[in-house]
């Protein structure tokens, strides 16, 4: 299953949020900076203007798992709107990021007062839910090779509205293996195979070409 094309929003969230009178803060983060940490009070929602953010969870046994990688135009931390008192995950910048923080009370007010924004926000959450379901199906039925190809295409923004970013932030094979649910050696094998086939360039930085979609189409 290839990356689903995200519906083009009819609402400019970035422009709208920049005009919100109060309760918002524009923040800059460097790669590996923590935006919030699992267990902290959940009191705001974040919007990514630029860059990529990963969300991780840590078990009581100390094992960490990546549950999502988000990019430009994504919201995160919205669990506070449903009464979540504490963060259930940690959000970490994967690259230099520009992020807008909107306090919970202000976002609730805006959702009630602005039907256009409310419709856009609900659509965004529904689309994310679809992606989560697709990820589950991917893990249940597709090979690790196809799962890796899908992750790389998503990181490069193929299938989403907005500019495709063929060259993606540096990401280790260990991290890719964790996302895909396989071993580092398997990721290394498939990355080398993708490179030999011309689907990616992997030399210091990682460049993903649209031809990688062929891996998803091949049975």
Protein backbone atom coordinates (compact mmCIF):
# COMPACT_ATOMS: atom_id res chain seq x y z
CA UNK A 1 0.00 0.00 0.00
CA UNK A 2 1.53 3.32 -1.07
CA UNK A 3 1.43 6.62 0.79
CA UNK A 4 -2.10 8.00 0.71
CA UNK A 5 -2.37 11.47 -0.79
CA UNK A 6 -3.46 13.87 1.90
CA UNK A 7 -6.52 15.97 1.03
CA UNK A 8 -5.56 19.53 0.14
CA UNK A 9 -6.72 21.74 3.00
CA UNK A 10 -9.11 24.57 2.15
CA UNK A 11 -7.89 26.48 5.21
CA UNK A 12 -4.49 28.09 5.79
CA UNK A 13 -3.80 26.97 9.36
CA UNK A 14 -0.37 28.59 9.51
CA UNK A 15 -1.68 32.00 8.48
CA UNK A 16 -4.69 31.74 10.76
CA UNK A 17 -2.72 30.66 13.84
CA UNK A 18 -0.21 33.46 13.32
CA UNK A 19 -3.07 35.94 13.82
CA UNK A 20 -4.41 34.41 17.03
CA UNK A 21 -4.37 37.21 19.60
CA UNK A 22 -2.82 35.35 22.53
CA UNK A 23 -1.91 31.99 23.97
CA UNK A 24 0.61 31.13 21.29
CA UNK A 25 4.40 31.10 21.15
CA UNK A 26 6.73 30.64 18.20
CA UNK A 27 9.61 28.34 19.15
CA UNK A 28 12.83 27.26 17.47
CA UNK A 29 14.49 23.91 18.13
CA UNK A 30 17.73 22.31 17.01
CA UNK A 31 18.12 18.67 16.07
CA UNK A 32 17.71 16.36 19.09
CA UNK A 33 16.10 19.09 21.24
CA UNK A 34 13.16 17.82 23.30
CA UNK A 35 9.92 19.73 22.75
CA UNK A 36 8.12 17.96 25.56
CA UNK A 37 8.81 14.86 27.64
CA UNK A 38 6.67 11.85 28.53
CA UNK A 39 5.02 12.44 31.91
CA UNK A 40 4.99 16.25 31.71
CA UNK A 41 1.68 18.12 32.10
CA UNK A 42 -0.25 18.25 28.81
CA UNK A 43 -1.35 21.86 28.47
CA UNK A 44 -0.77 22.89 24.86
CA UNK A 45 -0.95 21.78 21.22
CA UNK A 46 1.94 22.22 18.78
CA UNK A 47 1.97 23.01 15.06
CA UNK A 48 5.04 22.31 12.89
CA UNK A 49 5.88 25.20 10.58
CA UNK A 50 9.24 23.77 9.45
CA UNK A 51 11.23 20.60 10.12
CA UNK A 52 10.49 17.10 11.35
CA UNK A 53 9.61 15.81 14.81
CA UNK A 54 9.61 12.27 16.16
CA UNK A 55 7.44 11.02 18.99
CA UNK A 56 8.75 8.26 21.22
CA UNK A 57 7.46 6.29 24.20
CA UNK A 58 9.51 4.78 26.99
CA UNK A 59 8.39 1.60 28.78
CA UNK A 60 8.84 0.96 32.50
CA UNK A 61 11.63 -1.43 31.52
CA UNK A 62 13.47 1.42 29.78
CA UNK A 63 12.78 0.35 26.20
CA UNK A 64 12.14 3.23 23.80
CA UNK A 65 9.99 3.00 20.67
CA UNK A 66 9.26 5.51 17.91
CA UNK A 67 5.51 5.86 17.38
CA UNK A 68 5.36 8.67 14.81
CA UNK A 69 7.41 10.95 12.60
CA UNK A 70 5.72 14.26 11.83
CA UNK A 71 6.51 17.06 9.41
CA UNK A 72 5.50 20.48 8.18
CA UNK A 73 1.80 21.20 8.67
CA UNK A 74 1.29 18.54 11.35
CA UNK A 75 -0.22 19.12 14.78
CA UNK A 76 0.86 17.11 17.81
CA UNK A 77 0.12 17.09 21.52
CA UNK A 78 -3.62 17.32 20.89
CA UNK A 79 -4.36 14.66 23.53
CA UNK A 80 -4.74 17.48 26.06
CA UNK A 81 -7.95 18.51 24.27
CA UNK A 82 -9.50 15.16 25.23
CA UNK A 83 -8.61 15.49 28.89
CA UNK A 84 -5.17 13.88 28.79
CA UNK A 85 -3.46 15.30 31.91
CA UNK A 86 0.10 14.18 31.12
CA UNK A 87 2.11 13.58 27.97
CA UNK A 88 2.07 9.93 26.94
CA UNK A 89 5.08 10.37 24.68
CA UNK A 90 8.20 12.48 24.16
CA UNK A 91 8.50 14.83 21.17
CA UNK A 92 12.02 15.39 19.80
CA UNK A 93 13.20 17.57 16.90
CA UNK A 94 14.85 15.52 14.14
CA UNK A 95 16.18 18.64 12.43
CA UNK A 96 16.12 22.39 12.97
CA UNK A 97 12.44 23.07 13.59
CA UNK A 98 10.09 26.04 13.76
CA UNK A 99 7.10 25.14 15.93
CA UNK A 100 4.10 27.09 17.12
CA UNK A 101 2.85 26.31 20.62
CA UNK A 102 -0.84 27.09 21.25
CA UNK A 103 -2.14 26.92 24.81
CA UNK A 104 -5.00 24.46 25.35
CA UNK A 105 -7.49 27.10 26.51
CA UNK A 106 -6.80 29.29 23.49
CA UNK A 107 -7.12 26.44 21.01
CA UNK A 108 -10.41 25.34 22.59
CA UNK A 109 -11.70 28.91 22.24
CA UNK A 110 -10.64 29.08 18.58
CA UNK A 111 -12.20 25.70 17.77
CA UNK A 112 -15.52 26.93 19.17
CA UNK A 113 -15.38 30.35 17.56
CA UNK A 114 -14.00 29.53 14.11
CA UNK A 115 -15.93 26.84 12.17
CA UNK A 116 -13.45 26.87 9.29
CA UNK A 117 -10.51 26.11 11.55
CA UNK A 118 -12.54 23.54 13.48
CA UNK A 119 -13.39 21.70 10.24
CA UNK A 120 -9.75 21.79 9.14
CA UNK A 121 -8.51 20.50 12.50
CA UNK A 122 -10.98 17.61 12.55
CA UNK A 123 -10.02 16.67 8.99
CA UNK A 124 -6.37 16.67 10.01
CA UNK A 125 -7.04 14.32 12.94
CA UNK A 126 -9.16 12.00 10.77
CA UNK A 127 -6.43 11.79 8.16
CA UNK A 128 -3.89 10.96 10.87
CA UNK A 129 -6.15 8.19 12.11
CA UNK A 130 -6.27 6.77 8.58
CA UNK A 131 -2.45 6.79 8.47
CA UNK A 132 -2.29 4.96 11.80
CA UNK A 133 -4.64 2.28 10.44
CA UNK A 134 -2.54 1.99 7.28
CA UNK A 135 0.59 1.60 9.40
CA UNK A 136 -1.07 -1.23 11.32
CA UNK A 137 -2.06 -3.01 8.11
CA UNK A 138 1.47 -2.42 6.79
CA UNK A 139 3.03 -4.13 9.83
CA UNK A 140 0.56 -7.02 9.72
CA UNK A 141 0.68 -7.90 6.04
CA UNK A 142 3.61 -6.31 4.21
CA UNK A 143 7.25 -7.36 4.07
CA UNK A 144 9.91 -5.38 5.91
CA UNK A 145 11.22 -4.23 2.52
CA UNK A 146 7.89 -2.61 1.63
CA UNK A 147 7.54 -1.15 5.12
CA UNK A 148 10.96 0.47 4.81
CA UNK A 149 10.14 1.89 1.37
CA UNK A 150 6.89 3.35 2.72
CA UNK A 151 8.68 4.97 5.67
CA UNK A 152 11.28 6.55 3.37
CA UNK A 153 8.62 7.90 1.01
CA UNK A 154 6.71 9.38 3.92
CA UNK A 155 9.85 11.01 5.33
CA UNK A 156 10.41 12.61 1.92
CA UNK A 157 6.79 13.87 1.95
CA UNK A 158 5.67 11.84 -1.09
CA UNK A 159 1.88 11.49 -1.03
CA UNK A 160 1.29 14.66 1.03
CA UNK A 161 0.36 18.13 -0.09
CA UNK A 162 3.26 20.54 -0.04
CA UNK A 163 6.79 20.42 -1.35
CA UNK A 164 8.45 17.04 -1.71
CA UNK A 165 11.70 16.98 0.27
CA UNK A 166 13.75 14.34 -1.50
CA UNK A 167 16.75 14.92 0.77
CA UNK A 168 15.61 14.10 4.28
CA UNK A 169 17.17 14.82 7.69
CA UNK A 170 19.89 12.44 8.78
CA UNK A 171 18.36 9.30 10.23
CA UNK A 172 20.26 6.25 11.46
CA UNK A 173 19.64 2.72 10.29
CA UNK A 174 18.93 1.81 13.92
CA UNK A 175 16.10 4.34 13.96
CA UNK A 176 14.73 3.09 10.64
CA UNK A 177 14.83 -0.48 11.93
CA UNK A 178 12.89 0.60 15.02
CA UNK A 179 10.21 2.32 12.94
CA UNK A 180 9.91 -0.54 10.45
CA UNK A 181 9.99 -3.26 13.09
CA UNK A 182 12.97 -5.24 11.82
CA UNK A 183 16.70 -5.56 12.43
CA UNK A 184 19.41 -3.09 11.50
CA UNK A 185 21.06 -5.71 9.28
CA UNK A 186 17.86 -6.09 7.25
CA UNK A 187 17.54 -2.32 6.89
CA UNK A 188 21.18 -2.14 5.73
CA UNK A 189 20.54 -4.89 3.17
CA UNK A 190 17.45 -3.17 1.74
CA UNK A 191 19.05 0.30 1.74
CA UNK A 192 21.97 -1.06 -0.28
CA UNK A 193 19.54 -2.77 -2.64
CA UNK A 194 17.50 0.43 -3.08
CA UNK A 195 20.70 2.34 -3.82
CA UNK A 196 21.88 -0.17 -6.44
CA UNK A 197 18.47 0.05 -8.14
CA UNK A 198 18.68 3.85 -8.22
CA UNK A 199 15.73 4.37 -5.87
CA UNK A 200 17.80 6.28 -3.30
CA UNK A 201 21.16 7.99 -2.91
CA UNK A 202 22.68 7.19 0.45
CA UNK A 203 26.05 8.82 1.00
CA UNK A 204 26.15 11.03 4.09
CA UNK A 205 22.71 12.47 3.34
CA UNK A 206 19.73 10.42 2.20
CA UNK A 207 17.93 11.31 -1.03
CA UNK A 208 14.72 9.47 -1.90
CA UNK A 209 13.51 9.29 -5.52
CA UNK A 210 9.90 8.82 -6.58
CA UNK A 211 10.91 5.58 -8.33
CA UNK A 212 11.00 3.95 -4.86
CA UNK A 213 7.22 3.66 -5.20
CA UNK A 214 7.92 0.70 -7.51
CA UNK A 215 8.81 -1.36 -4.42
CA UNK A 216 5.28 -0.85 -3.09
CA UNK A 217 3.68 -1.75 -6.40
CA UNK A 218 5.65 -4.97 -6.87
CA UNK A 219 4.01 -8.16 -5.54
